[in-house]
Amino acid sequence: PMTSYHEFNKYDKADLLIEKLQAGQNIAVITDAGTPGISDPGE
């Protein structure tokens, strides 16, 4: 399953993803191309 995580929801959505991680889910972040966290919301 996939969910959106982008520049315009990076703070509010991050809190929801943190809750899922705390509940035991493993989550992968991917960017459109390249390595997440480099000039994108993964940071």
Full PDB file with SEQRES, HELIX, SHEET, SSBOND, CRYST1, ORIGX, SCALE, CONECT and MASTER records, all heavy atoms in Angstrom:
SEQRES   1 A   43  PRO MET THR SER TYR HIS GLU PHE ASN LYS TYR ASP LYS          
SEQRES   2 A   43  ALA ASP LEU LEU ILE GLU LYS LEU GLN ALA GLY GLN ASN          
SEQRES   3 A   43  ILE ALA VAL ILE THR ASP ALA GLY THR PRO GLY ILE SER          
SEQRES   4 A   43  ASP PRO GLY GLU                                              
HELIX    1 AA1 ASP A   12  GLN A   22  1                                  11    
CRYST1    1.000    1.000    1.000  90.00  90.00  90.00 P 1           1          
ORIGX1      1.000000  0.000000  0.000000        0.00000                         
ORIGX2      0.000000  1.000000  0.000000        0.00000                         
ORIGX3      0.000000  0.000000  1.000000        0.00000                         
SCALE1      1.000000  0.000000  0.000000        0.00000                         
SCALE2      0.000000  1.000000  0.000000        0.00000                         
SCALE3      0.000000  0.000000  1.000000        0.00000                         
ATOM      1  N   PRO A   1       0.833  -1.221   0.000  1.00  0.00           N  
ATOM      2  CA  PRO A   1       0.000   0.000   0.000  1.00  0.00           C  
ATOM      3  C   PRO A   1       0.862   1.263   0.000  1.00  0.00           C  
ATOM      4  O   PRO A   1       1.972   1.273   0.555  1.00  0.00           O  
ATOM      5  CB  PRO A   1      -0.795  -0.117   1.298  1.00  0.00           C  
ATOM      6  CG  PRO A   1      -0.803  -1.574   1.609  1.00  0.00           C  
ATOM      7  CD  PRO A   1       0.507  -2.113   1.122  1.00  0.00           C  
ATOM      8  N   MET A   2       0.333   2.301  -0.605  1.00  0.00           N  
ATOM      9  CA  MET A   2       1.088   3.537  -0.749  1.00  0.00           C  
ATOM     10  C   MET A   2       0.252   4.725  -0.291  1.00  0.00           C  
ATOM     11  O   MET A   2      -0.963   4.734  -0.450  1.00  0.00           O  
ATOM     12  CB  MET A   2       1.494   3.693  -2.223  1.00  0.00           C  
ATOM     13  CG  MET A   2       2.410   4.848  -2.509  1.00  0.00           C  
ATOM     14  SD  MET A   2       3.191   4.756  -4.167  1.00  0.00           S  
ATOM     15  CE  MET A   2       1.784   4.338  -5.208  1.00  0.00           C  
ATOM     16  N   THR A   3       0.933   5.722   0.282  1.00  0.00           N  
ATOM     17  CA  THR A   3       0.285   6.966   0.686  1.00  0.00           C  
ATOM     18  C   THR A   3       1.148   8.131   0.236  1.00  0.00           C  
ATOM     19  O   THR A   3       2.357   7.963   0.002  1.00  0.00           O  
ATOM     20  CB  THR A   3       0.079   7.013   2.212  1.00  0.00           C  
ATOM     21  OG1 THR A   3      -0.714   8.153   2.545  1.00  0.00           O  
ATOM     22  CG2 THR A   3       1.406   7.097   2.957  1.00  0.00           C  
ATOM     23  N   SER A   4       0.553   9.296   0.087  1.00  0.00           N  
ATOM     24  CA  SER A   4       1.325  10.453  -0.386  1.00  0.00           C  
ATOM     25  C   SER A   4       2.039  11.140   0.772  1.00  0.00           C  
ATOM     26  O   SER A   4       1.506  11.265   1.872  1.00  0.00           O  
ATOM     27  CB  SER A   4       0.413  11.452  -1.099  1.00  0.00           C  
ATOM     28  OG  SER A   4      -0.539  11.982  -0.193  1.00  0.00           O  
ATOM     29  N   TYR A   5       3.252  11.555   0.512  1.00  0.00           N  
ATOM     30  CA  TYR A   5       4.022  12.334   1.486  1.00  0.00           C  
ATOM     31  C   TYR A   5       4.894  13.297   0.685  1.00  0.00           C  
ATOM     32  O   TYR A   5       5.868  12.907   0.047  1.00  0.00           O  
ATOM     33  CB  TYR A   5       4.890  11.418   2.355  1.00  0.00           C  
ATOM     34  CG  TYR A   5       5.708  12.188   3.368  1.00  0.00           C  
ATOM     35  CD1 TYR A   5       5.081  12.989   4.312  1.00  0.00           C  
ATOM     36  CD2 TYR A   5       7.099  12.141   3.356  1.00  0.00           C  
ATOM     37  CE1 TYR A   5       5.827  13.731   5.220  1.00  0.00           C  
ATOM     38  CE2 TYR A   5       7.846  12.869   4.271  1.00  0.00           C  
ATOM     39  CZ  TYR A   5       7.201  13.665   5.196  1.00  0.00           C  
ATOM     40  OH  TYR A   5       7.932  14.405   6.096  1.00  0.00           O  
ATOM     41  N   HIS A   6       4.506  14.582   0.682  1.00  0.00           N  
ATOM     42  CA  HIS A   6       5.157  15.532  -0.208  1.00  0.00           C  
ATOM     43  C   HIS A   6       5.375  16.875   0.492  1.00  0.00           C  
ATOM     44  O   HIS A   6       5.084  17.023   1.694  1.00  0.00           O  
ATOM     45  CB  HIS A   6       4.318  15.723  -1.478  1.00  0.00           C  
ATOM     46  CG  HIS A   6       2.863  15.976  -1.207  1.00  0.00           C  
ATOM     47  ND1 HIS A   6       2.398  17.160  -0.680  1.00  0.00           N  
ATOM     48  CD2 HIS A   6       1.771  15.170  -1.381  1.00  0.00           C  
ATOM     49  CE1 HIS A   6       1.087  17.098  -0.545  1.00  0.00           C  
ATOM     50  NE2 HIS A   6       0.668  15.897  -0.961  1.00  0.00           N  
ATOM     51  N   GLU A   7       5.874  17.835  -0.250  1.00  0.00           N  
ATOM     52  CA  GLU A   7       6.259  19.133   0.292  1.00  0.00           C  
ATOM     53  C   GLU A   7       5.119  19.855   1.006  1.00  0.00           C  
ATOM     54  O   GLU A   7       5.337  20.550   1.991  1.00  0.00           O  
ATOM     55  CB  GLU A   7       6.792  20.015  -0.853  1.00  0.00           C  
ATOM     56  CG  GLU A   7       7.295  21.383  -0.431  1.00  0.00           C  
ATOM     57  CD  GLU A   7       8.538  21.314   0.453  1.00  0.00           C  
ATOM     58  OE1 GLU A   7       9.287  20.310   0.374  1.00  0.00           O  
ATOM     59  OE2 GLU A   7       8.732  22.266   1.228  1.00  0.00           O  
ATOM     60  N   PHE A   8       3.901  19.662   0.536  1.00  0.00           N  
ATOM     61  CA  PHE A   8       2.779  20.439   1.063  1.00  0.00           C  
ATOM     62  C   PHE A   8       2.065  19.768   2.246  1.00  0.00           C  
ATOM     63  O   PHE A   8       1.182  20.365   2.846  1.00  0.00           O  
ATOM     64  CB  PHE A   8       1.788  20.721  -0.067  1.00  0.00           C  
ATOM     65  CG  PHE A   8       2.415  21.455  -1.215  1.00  0.00           C  
ATOM     66  CD1 PHE A   8       2.716  20.795  -2.400  1.00  0.00           C  
ATOM     67  CD2 PHE A   8       2.756  22.790  -1.098  1.00  0.00           C  
ATOM     68  CE1 PHE A   8       3.312  21.466  -3.463  1.00  0.00           C  
ATOM     69  CE2 PHE A   8       3.360  23.475  -2.147  1.00  0.00           C  
ATOM     70  CZ  PHE A   8       3.643  22.805  -3.325  1.00  0.00           C  
ATOM     71  N   ASN A   9       2.451  18.521   2.568  1.00  0.00           N  
ATOM     72  CA  ASN A   9       1.853  17.886   3.753  1.00  0.00           C  
ATOM     73  C   ASN A   9       2.925  17.288   4.664  1.00  0.00           C  
ATOM     74  O   ASN A   9       2.627  16.459   5.521  1.00  0.00           O  
ATOM     75  CB  ASN A   9       0.841  16.813   3.343  1.00  0.00           C  
ATOM     76  CG  ASN A   9       1.484  15.575   2.729  1.00  0.00           C  
ATOM     77  OD1 ASN A   9       2.710  15.517   2.535  1.00  0.00           O  
ATOM     78  ND2 ASN A   9       0.679  14.571   2.415  1.00  0.00           N  
ATOM     79  N   LYS A  10       4.173  17.725   4.469  1.00  0.00           N  
ATOM     80  CA  LYS A  10       5.305  17.059   5.108  1.00  0.00           C  
ATOM     81  C   LYS A  10       5.298  17.130   6.629  1.00  0.00           C  
ATOM     82  O   LYS A  10       5.890  16.262   7.283  1.00  0.00           O  
ATOM     83  CB  LYS A  10       6.628  17.595   4.568  1.00  0.00           C  
ATOM     84  CG  LYS A  10       6.875  19.077   4.829  1.00  0.00           C  
ATOM     85  CD  LYS A  10       8.183  19.515   4.176  1.00  0.00           C  
ATOM     86  CE  LYS A  10       8.456  20.994   4.369  1.00  0.00           C  
ATOM     87  NZ  LYS A  10       9.693  21.411   3.679  1.00  0.00           N  
ATOM     88  N   TYR A  11       4.637  18.131   7.210  1.00  0.00           N  
ATOM     89  CA  TYR A  11       4.627  18.230   8.672  1.00  0.00           C  
ATOM     90  C   TYR A  11       3.445  17.466   9.272  1.00  0.00           C  
ATOM     91  O   TYR A  11       3.633  16.610  10.157  1.00  0.00           O  
ATOM     92  CB  TYR A  11       4.599  19.701   9.102  1.00  0.00           C  
ATOM     93  CG  TYR A  11       5.858  20.439   8.730  1.00  0.00           C  
ATOM     94  CD1 TYR A  11       5.858  21.375   7.700  1.00  0.00           C  
ATOM     95  CD2 TYR A  11       7.053  20.187   9.396  1.00  0.00           C  
ATOM     96  CE1 TYR A  11       7.022  22.049   7.340  1.00  0.00           C  
ATOM     97  CE2 TYR A  11       8.226  20.869   9.053  1.00  0.00           C  
ATOM     98  CZ  TYR A  11       8.200  21.786   8.026  1.00  0.00           C  
ATOM     99  OH  TYR A  11       9.353  22.441   7.669  1.00  0.00           O  
ATOM    100  N   ASP A  12       2.248  17.746   8.810  1.00  0.00           N  
ATOM    101  CA  ASP A  12       1.077  17.056   9.350  1.00  0.00           C  
ATOM    102  C   ASP A  12       1.130  15.557   9.045  1.00  0.00           C  
ATOM    103  O   ASP A  12       0.833  14.730   9.919  1.00  0.00           O  
ATOM    104  CB  ASP A  12      -0.207  17.653   8.764  1.00  0.00           C  
ATOM    105  CG  ASP A  12      -0.438  19.084   9.227  1.00  0.00           C  
ATOM    106  OD1 ASP A  12       0.140  19.453  10.269  1.00  0.00           O  
ATOM    107  OD2 ASP A  12      -1.180  19.819   8.555  1.00  0.00           O  
ATOM    108  N   LYS A  13       1.502  15.212   7.826  1.00  0.00           N  
ATOM    109  CA  LYS A  13       1.543  13.793   7.448  1.00  0.00           C  
ATOM    110  C   LYS A  13       2.665  13.066   8.195  1.00  0.00           C  
ATOM    111  O   LYS A  13       2.525  11.895   8.541  1.00  0.00           O  
ATOM    112  CB  LYS A  13       1.754  13.659   5.930  1.00  0.00           C  
ATOM    113  CG  LYS A  13       1.529  12.250   5.384  1.00  0.00           C  
ATOM    114  CD  LYS A  13       0.091  11.778   5.632  1.00  0.00           C  
ATOM    115  CE  LYS A  13      -0.211  10.470   4.936  1.00  0.00           C  
ATOM    116  NZ  LYS A  13      -0.456  10.632   3.488  1.00  0.00           N  
ATOM    117  N   ALA A  14       3.744  13.780   8.461  1.00  0.00           N  
ATOM    118  CA  ALA A  14       4.837  13.162   9.212  1.00  0.00           C  
ATOM    119  C   ALA A  14       4.363  12.708  10.582  1.00  0.00           C  
ATOM    120  O   ALA A  14       4.727  11.622  11.060  1.00  0.00           O  
ATOM    121  CB  ALA A  14       6.007  14.138   9.354  1.00  0.00           C  
ATOM    122  N   ASP A  15       3.517  13.510  11.230  1.00  0.00           N  
ATOM    123  CA  ASP A  15       2.999  13.129  12.548  1.00  0.00           C  
ATOM    124  C   ASP A  15       2.153  11.859  12.464  1.00  0.00           C  
ATOM    125  O   ASP A  15       2.226  10.991  13.347  1.00  0.00           O  
ATOM    126  CB  ASP A  15       2.169  14.275  13.122  1.00  0.00           C  
ATOM    127  CG  ASP A  15       3.013  15.491  13.475  1.00  0.00           C  
ATOM    128  OD1 ASP A  15       4.216  15.306  13.741  1.00  0.00           O  
ATOM    129  OD2 ASP A  15       2.476  16.611  13.478  1.00  0.00           O  
ATOM    130  N   LEU A  16       1.361  11.727  11.404  1.00  0.00           N  
ATOM    131  CA  LEU A  16       0.552  10.516  11.220  1.00  0.00           C  
ATOM    132  C   LEU A  16       1.438   9.302  10.974  1.00  0.00           C  
ATOM    133  O   LEU A  16       1.182   8.209  11.494  1.00  0.00           O  
ATOM    134  CB  LEU A  16      -0.409  10.709  10.038  1.00  0.00           C  
ATOM    135  CG  LEU A  16      -1.516  11.748  10.228  1.00  0.00           C  
ATOM    136  CD1 LEU A  16      -2.315  11.915   8.932  1.00  0.00           C  
ATOM    137  CD2 LEU A  16      -2.445  11.339  11.372  1.00  0.00           C  
ATOM    138  N   LEU A  17       2.500   9.494  10.186  1.00  0.00           N  
ATOM    139  CA  LEU A  17       3.420   8.389   9.902  1.00  0.00           C  
ATOM    140  C   LEU A  17       4.187   7.985  11.158  1.00  0.00           C  
ATOM    141  O   LEU A  17       4.452   6.792  11.376  1.00  0.00           O  
ATOM    142  CB  LEU A  17       4.386   8.781   8.782  1.00  0.00           C  
ATOM    143  CG  LEU A  17       3.738   9.008   7.402  1.00  0.00           C  
ATOM    144  CD1 LEU A  17       4.774   9.530   6.408  1.00  0.00           C  
ATOM    145  CD2 LEU A  17       3.108   7.714   6.880  1.00  0.00           C  
ATOM    146  N   ILE A  18       4.512   8.963  12.001  1.00  0.00           N  
ATOM    147  CA  ILE A  18       5.183   8.657  13.269  1.00  0.00           C  
ATOM    148  C   ILE A  18       4.278   7.779  14.134  1.00  0.00           C  
ATOM    149  O   ILE A  18       4.727   6.810  14.767  1.00  0.00           O  
ATOM    150  CB  ILE A  18       5.556   9.958  14.017  1.00  0.00           C  
ATOM    151  CG1 ILE A  18       6.671  10.707  13.285  1.00  0.00           C  
ATOM    152  CG2 ILE A  18       5.963   9.648  15.461  1.00  0.00           C  
ATOM    153  CD1 ILE A  18       8.004  10.006  13.283  1.00  0.00           C  
ATOM    154  N   GLU A  19       3.000   8.096  14.164  1.00  0.00           N  
ATOM    155  CA  GLU A  19       2.047   7.294  14.942  1.00  0.00           C  
ATOM    156  C   GLU A  19       2.012   5.850  14.440  1.00  0.00           C  
ATOM    157  O   GLU A  19       1.966   4.897  15.234  1.00  0.00           O  
ATOM    158  CB  GLU A  19       0.656   7.909  14.859  1.00  0.00           C  
ATOM    159  CG  GLU A  19       0.522   9.236  15.593  1.00  0.00           C  
ATOM    160  CD  GLU A  19      -0.867   9.835  15.440  1.00  0.00           C  
ATOM    161  OE1 GLU A  19      -1.743   9.154  14.859  1.00  0.00           O  
ATOM    162  OE2 GLU A  19      -1.078  10.977  15.893  1.00  0.00           O  
ATOM    163  N   LYS A  20       2.043   5.677  13.134  1.00  0.00           N  
ATOM    164  CA  LYS A  20       2.034   4.332  12.554  1.00  0.00           C  
ATOM    165  C   LYS A  20       3.319   3.581  12.904  1.00  0.00           C  
ATOM    166  O   LYS A  20       3.297   2.384  13.214  1.00  0.00           O  
ATOM    167  CB  LYS A  20       1.861   4.404  11.038  1.00  0.00           C  
ATOM    168  CG  LYS A  20       0.484   4.891  10.593  1.00  0.00           C  
ATOM    169  CD  LYS A  20       0.375   4.941   9.075  1.00  0.00           C  
ATOM    170  CE  LYS A  20      -0.994   5.459   8.630  1.00  0.00           C  
ATOM    171  NZ  LYS A  20      -2.092   4.523   9.018  1.00  0.00           N  
ATOM    172  N   LEU A  21       4.435   4.281  12.862  1.00  0.00           N  
ATOM    173  CA  LEU A  21       5.712   3.669  13.236  1.00  0.00           C  
ATOM    174  C   LEU A  21       5.699   3.254  14.708  1.00  0.00           C  
ATOM    175  O   LEU A  21       6.151   2.163  15.072  1.00  0.00           O  
ATOM    176  CB  LEU A  21       6.867   4.637  12.971  1.00  0.00           C  
ATOM    177  CG  LEU A  21       7.233   4.866  11.496  1.00  0.00           C  
ATOM    178  CD1 LEU A  21       8.070   6.137  11.344  1.00  0.00           C  
ATOM    179  CD2 LEU A  21       8.001   3.664  10.942  1.00  0.00           C  
ATOM    180  N   GLN A  22       5.165   4.120  15.560  1.00  0.00           N  
ATOM    181  CA  GLN A  22       5.091   3.811  16.993  1.00  0.00           C  
ATOM    182  C   GLN A  22       4.173   2.626  17.268  1.00  0.00           C  
ATOM    183  O   GLN A  22       4.347   1.912  18.254  1.00  0.00           O  
ATOM    184  CB  GLN A  22       4.629   5.044  17.765  1.00  0.00           C  
ATOM    185  CG  GLN A  22       5.664   6.169  17.786  1.00  0.00           C  
ATOM    186  CD  GLN A  22       5.140   7.456  18.384  1.00  0.00           C  
ATOM    187  OE1 GLN A  22       3.940   7.757  18.263  1.00  0.00           O  
ATOM    188  NE2 GLN A  22       6.001   8.232  19.028  1.00  0.00           N  
ATOM    189  N   ALA A  23       3.207   2.436  16.372  1.00  0.00           N  
ATOM    190  CA  ALA A  23       2.275   1.312  16.516  1.00  0.00           C  
ATOM    191  C   ALA A  23       2.862   0.010  15.984  1.00  0.00           C  
ATOM    192  O   ALA A  23       2.215  -1.042  16.076  1.00  0.00           O  
ATOM    193  CB  ALA A  23       0.977   1.618  15.785  1.00  0.00           C  
ATOM    194  N   GLY A  24       4.082   0.091  15.425  1.00  0.00           N  
ATOM    195  CA  GLY A  24       4.756  -1.125  14.986  1.00  0.00           C  
ATOM    196  C   GLY A  24       4.853  -1.330  13.487  1.00  0.00           C  
ATOM    197  O   GLY A  24       5.420  -2.327  13.026  1.00  0.00           O  
ATOM    198  N   GLN A  25       4.309  -0.412  12.710  1.00  0.00           N  
ATOM    199  CA  GLN A  25       4.400  -0.559  11.258  1.00  0.00           C  
ATOM    200  C   GLN A  25       5.782  -0.131  10.748  1.00  0.00           C  
ATOM    201  O   GLN A  25       6.386   0.804  11.269  1.00  0.00           O  
ATOM    202  CB  GLN A  25       3.336   0.287  10.556  1.00  0.00           C  
ATOM    203  CG  GLN A  25       1.921  -0.221  10.740  1.00  0.00           C  
ATOM    204  CD  GLN A  25       0.938   0.477   9.807  1.00  0.00           C  
ATOM    205  OE1 GLN A  25       1.306   0.861   8.695  1.00  0.00           O  
ATOM    206  NE2 GLN A  25      -0.293   0.635  10.252  1.00  0.00           N  
ATOM    207  N   ASN A  26       6.269  -0.851   9.738  1.00  0.00           N  
ATOM    208  CA  ASN A  26       7.492  -0.460   9.047  1.00  0.00           C  
ATOM    209  C   ASN A  26       7.098   0.343   7.810  1.00  0.00           C  
ATOM    210  O   ASN A  26       6.196  -0.056   7.067  1.00  0.00           O  
ATOM    211  CB  ASN A  26       8.301  -1.687   8.624  1.00  0.00           C  
ATOM    212  CG  ASN A  26       8.841  -2.446   9.811  1.00  0.00           C  
ATOM    213  OD1 ASN A  26       9.343  -1.852  10.762  1.00  0.00           O  
ATOM    214  ND2 ASN A  26       8.734  -3.773   9.784  1.00  0.00           N  
ATOM    215  N   ILE A  27       7.763   1.482   7.612  1.00  0.00           N  
ATOM    216  CA  ILE A  27       7.396   2.390   6.531  1.00  0.00           C  
ATOM    217  C   ILE A  27       8.621   2.724   5.689  1.00  0.00           C  
ATOM    218  O   ILE A  27       9.701   2.971   6.221  1.00  0.00           O  
ATOM    219  CB  ILE A  27       6.781   3.689   7.091  1.00  0.00           C  
ATOM    220  CG1 ILE A  27       5.497   3.380   7.872  1.00  0.00           C  
ATOM    221  CG2 ILE A  27       6.497   4.694   5.970  1.00  0.00           C  
ATOM    222  CD1 ILE A  27       4.892   4.598   8.562  1.00  0.00           C  
ATOM    223  N   ALA A  28       8.430   2.721   4.386  1.00  0.00           N  
ATOM    224  CA  ALA A  28       9.485   3.144   3.459  1.00  0.00           C  
ATOM    225  C   ALA A  28       9.095   4.468   2.837  1.00  0.00           C  
ATOM    226  O   ALA A  28       7.948   4.676   2.456  1.00  0.00           O  
ATOM    227  CB  ALA A  28       9.696   2.099   2.371  1.00  0.00           C  
ATOM    228  N   VAL A  29      10.054   5.367   2.743  1.00  0.00           N  
ATOM    229  CA  VAL A  29       9.847   6.645   2.063  1.00  0.00           C  
ATOM    230  C   VAL A  29      10.588   6.613   0.737  1.00  0.00           C  
ATOM    231  O   VAL A  29      11.758   6.225   0.677  1.00  0.00           O  
ATOM    232  CB  VAL A  29      10.361   7.819   2.917  1.00  0.00           C  
ATOM    233  CG1 VAL A  29      10.276   9.131   2.134  1.00  0.00           C  
ATOM    234  CG2 VAL A  29       9.557   7.944   4.193  1.00  0.00           C  
ATOM    235  N   ILE A  30       9.898   7.000  -0.330  1.00  0.00           N  
ATOM    236  CA  ILE A  30      10.553   7.120  -1.627  1.00  0.00           C  
ATOM    237  C   ILE A  30      10.245   8.488  -2.223  1.00  0.00           C  
ATOM    238  O   ILE A  30       9.182   9.064  -1.982  1.00  0.00           O  
ATOM    239  CB  ILE A  30      10.126   6.008  -2.615  1.00  0.00           C  
ATOM    240  CG1 ILE A  30       8.617   6.019  -2.854  1.00  0.00           C  
ATOM    241  CG2 ILE A  30      10.594   4.649  -2.129  1.00  0.00           C  
ATOM    242  CD1 ILE A  30       8.152   5.026  -3.916  1.00  0.00           C  
ATOM    243  N   THR A  31      11.178   8.995  -2.983  1.00  0.00           N  
ATOM    244  CA  THR A  31      10.986  10.258  -3.686  1.00  0.00           C  
ATOM    245  C   THR A  31      10.673   9.946  -5.146  1.00  0.00           C  
ATOM    246  O   THR A  31      10.696   8.790  -5.557  1.00  0.00           O  
ATOM    247  CB  THR A  31      12.251  11.128  -3.555  1.00  0.00           C  
ATOM    248  OG1 THR A  31      12.016  12.387  -4.165  1.00  0.00           O  
ATOM    249  CG2 THR A  31      13.447  10.464  -4.199  1.00  0.00           C  
ATOM    250  N   ASP A  32      10.394  10.981  -5.928  1.00  0.00           N  
ATOM    251  CA  ASP A  32      10.101  10.747  -7.345  1.00  0.00           C  
ATOM    252  C   ASP A  32      11.276  10.081  -8.049  1.00  0.00           C  
ATOM    253  O   ASP A  32      11.099   9.247  -8.932  1.00  0.00           O  
ATOM    254  CB  ASP A  32       9.779  12.065  -8.051  1.00  0.00           C  
ATOM    255  CG  ASP A  32       8.359  12.535  -7.740  1.00  0.00           C  
ATOM    256  OD1 ASP A  32       7.598  11.746  -7.162  1.00  0.00           O  
ATOM    257  OD2 ASP A  32       8.033  13.683  -8.068  1.00  0.00           O  
ATOM    258  N   ALA A  33      12.478  10.467  -7.679  1.00  0.00           N  
ATOM    259  CA  ALA A  33      13.681   9.884  -8.260  1.00  0.00           C  
ATOM    260  C   ALA A  33      14.861  10.239  -7.367  1.00  0.00           C  
ATOM    261  O   ALA A  33      15.008  11.383  -6.953  1.00  0.00           O  
ATOM    262  CB  ALA A  33      13.914  10.427  -9.667  1.00  0.00           C  
ATOM    263  N   GLY A  34      15.670   9.226  -7.035  1.00  0.00           N  
ATOM    264  CA  GLY A  34      16.845   9.494  -6.222  1.00  0.00           C  
ATOM    265  C   GLY A  34      16.675   9.104  -4.771  1.00  0.00           C  
ATOM    266  O   GLY A  34      15.855   8.254  -4.428  1.00  0.00           O  
ATOM    267  N   THR A  35      17.443   9.755  -3.924  1.00  0.00           N  
ATOM    268  CA  THR A  35      17.525   9.382  -2.513  1.00  0.00           C  
ATOM    269  C   THR A  35      16.676  10.298  -1.641  1.00  0.00           C  
ATOM    270  O   THR A  35      16.870  11.519  -1.650  1.00  0.00           O  
ATOM    271  CB  THR A  35      18.990   9.430  -2.041  1.00  0.00           C  
ATOM    272  OG1 THR A  35      19.771   8.540  -2.855  1.00  0.00           O  
ATOM    273  CG2 THR A  35      19.109   9.018  -0.584  1.00  0.00           C  
ATOM    274  N   PRO A  36      15.736   9.760  -0.876  1.00  0.00           N  
ATOM    275  CA  PRO A  36      14.898  10.579   0.013  1.00  0.00           C  
ATOM    276  C   PRO A  36      15.751  11.314   1.050  1.00  0.00           C  
ATOM    277  O   PRO A  36      16.770  10.796   1.510  1.00  0.00           O  
ATOM    278  CB  PRO A  36      13.989   9.553   0.698  1.00  0.00           C  
ATOM    279  CG  PRO A  36      14.073   8.331  -0.128  1.00  0.00           C  
ATOM    280  CD  PRO A  36      15.425   8.330  -0.762  1.00  0.00           C  
ATOM    281  N   GLY A  37      15.295  12.499   1.412  1.00  0.00           N  
ATOM    282  CA  GLY A  37      16.017  13.275   2.420  1.00  0.00           C  
ATOM    283  C   GLY A  37      16.962  14.284   1.803  1.00  0.00           C  
ATOM    284  O   GLY A  37      17.425  15.200   2.481  1.00  0.00           O  
ATOM    285  N   ILE A  38      17.274  14.125   0.504  1.00  0.00           N  
ATOM    286  CA  ILE A  38      18.120  15.090  -0.179  1.00  0.00           C  
ATOM    287  C   ILE A  38      17.212  16.029  -0.963  1.00  0.00           C  
ATOM    288  O   ILE A  38      16.658  15.643  -1.988  1.00  0.00           O  
ATOM    289  CB  ILE A  38      19.130  14.403  -1.115  1.00  0.00           C  
ATOM    290  CG1 ILE A  38      20.077  13.518  -0.315  1.00  0.00           C  
ATOM    291  CG2 ILE A  38      19.927  15.448  -1.899  1.00  0.00           C  
ATOM    292  CD1 ILE A  38      21.096  12.791  -1.144  1.00  0.00           C  
ATOM    293  N   SER A  39      17.025  17.216  -0.442  1.00  0.00           N  
ATOM    294  CA  SER A  39      16.177  18.214  -1.085  1.00  0.00           C  
ATOM    295  C   SER A  39      14.751  17.724  -1.276  1.00  0.00           C  
ATOM    296  O   SER A  39      14.125  17.961  -2.307  1.00  0.00           O  
ATOM    297  CB  SER A  39      16.781  18.609  -2.447  1.00  0.00           C  
ATOM    298  OG  SER A  39      16.158  19.750  -2.970  1.00  0.00           O  
ATOM    299  N   ASP A  40      14.213  17.012  -0.265  1.00  0.00           N  
ATOM    300  CA  ASP A  40      12.799  16.608  -0.309  1.00  0.00           C  
ATOM    301  C   ASP A  40      12.280  16.371   1.106  1.00  0.00           C  
ATOM    302  O   ASP A  40      13.049  16.408   2.071  1.00  0.00           O  
ATOM    303  CB  ASP A  40      12.609  15.400  -1.246  1.00  0.00           C  
ATOM    304  CG  ASP A  40      12.921  14.058  -0.598  1.00  0.00           C  
ATOM    305  OD1 ASP A  40      13.130  13.989   0.628  1.00  0.00           O  
ATOM    306  OD2 ASP A  40      12.955  13.073  -1.324  1.00  0.00           O  
ATOM    307  N   PRO A  41      10.995  16.119   1.278  1.00  0.00           N  
ATOM    308  CA  PRO A  41      10.382  16.046   2.615  1.00  0.00           C  
ATOM    309  C   PRO A  41      10.876  14.905   3.508  1.00  0.00           C  
ATOM    310  O   PRO A  41      10.596  14.916   4.707  1.00  0.00           O  
ATOM    311  CB  PRO A  41       8.893  15.866   2.310  1.00  0.00           C  
ATOM    312  CG  PRO A  41       8.715  16.348   0.923  1.00  0.00           C  
ATOM    313  CD  PRO A  41       9.977  16.033   0.217  1.00  0.00           C  
ATOM    314  N   GLY A  42      11.580  13.924   2.936  1.00  0.00           N  
ATOM    315  CA  GLY A  42      12.102  12.837   3.766  1.00  0.00           C  
ATOM    316  C   GLY A  42      12.965  13.340   4.901  1.00  0.00           C  
ATOM    317  O   GLY A  42      13.062  12.716   5.964  1.00  0.00           O  
ATOM    318  N   GLU A  43      13.569  14.491   4.716  1.00  0.00           N  
ATOM    319  CA  GLU A  43      14.409  15.105   5.738  1.00  0.00           C  
ATOM    320  C   GLU A  43      13.608  15.394   7.004  1.00  0.00           C  
ATOM    321  O   GLU A  43      14.084  15.167   8.133  1.00  0.00           O  
ATOM    322  CB  GLU A  43      15.002  16.403   5.175  1.00  0.00           C  
ATOM    323  CG  GLU A  43      15.812  17.215   6.144  1.00  0.00           C  
ATOM    324  CD  GLU A  43      16.263  18.532   5.548  1.00  0.00           C  
ATOM    325  OE1 GLU A  43      15.812  18.873   4.438  1.00  0.00           O  
ATOM    326  OE2 GLU A  43      17.060  19.230   6.201  1.00  0.00           O  
TER     327      GLU A  43                                                      
MASTER        0    0    0    1    0    0    0    6  326    1    0    4          
END                                                                             
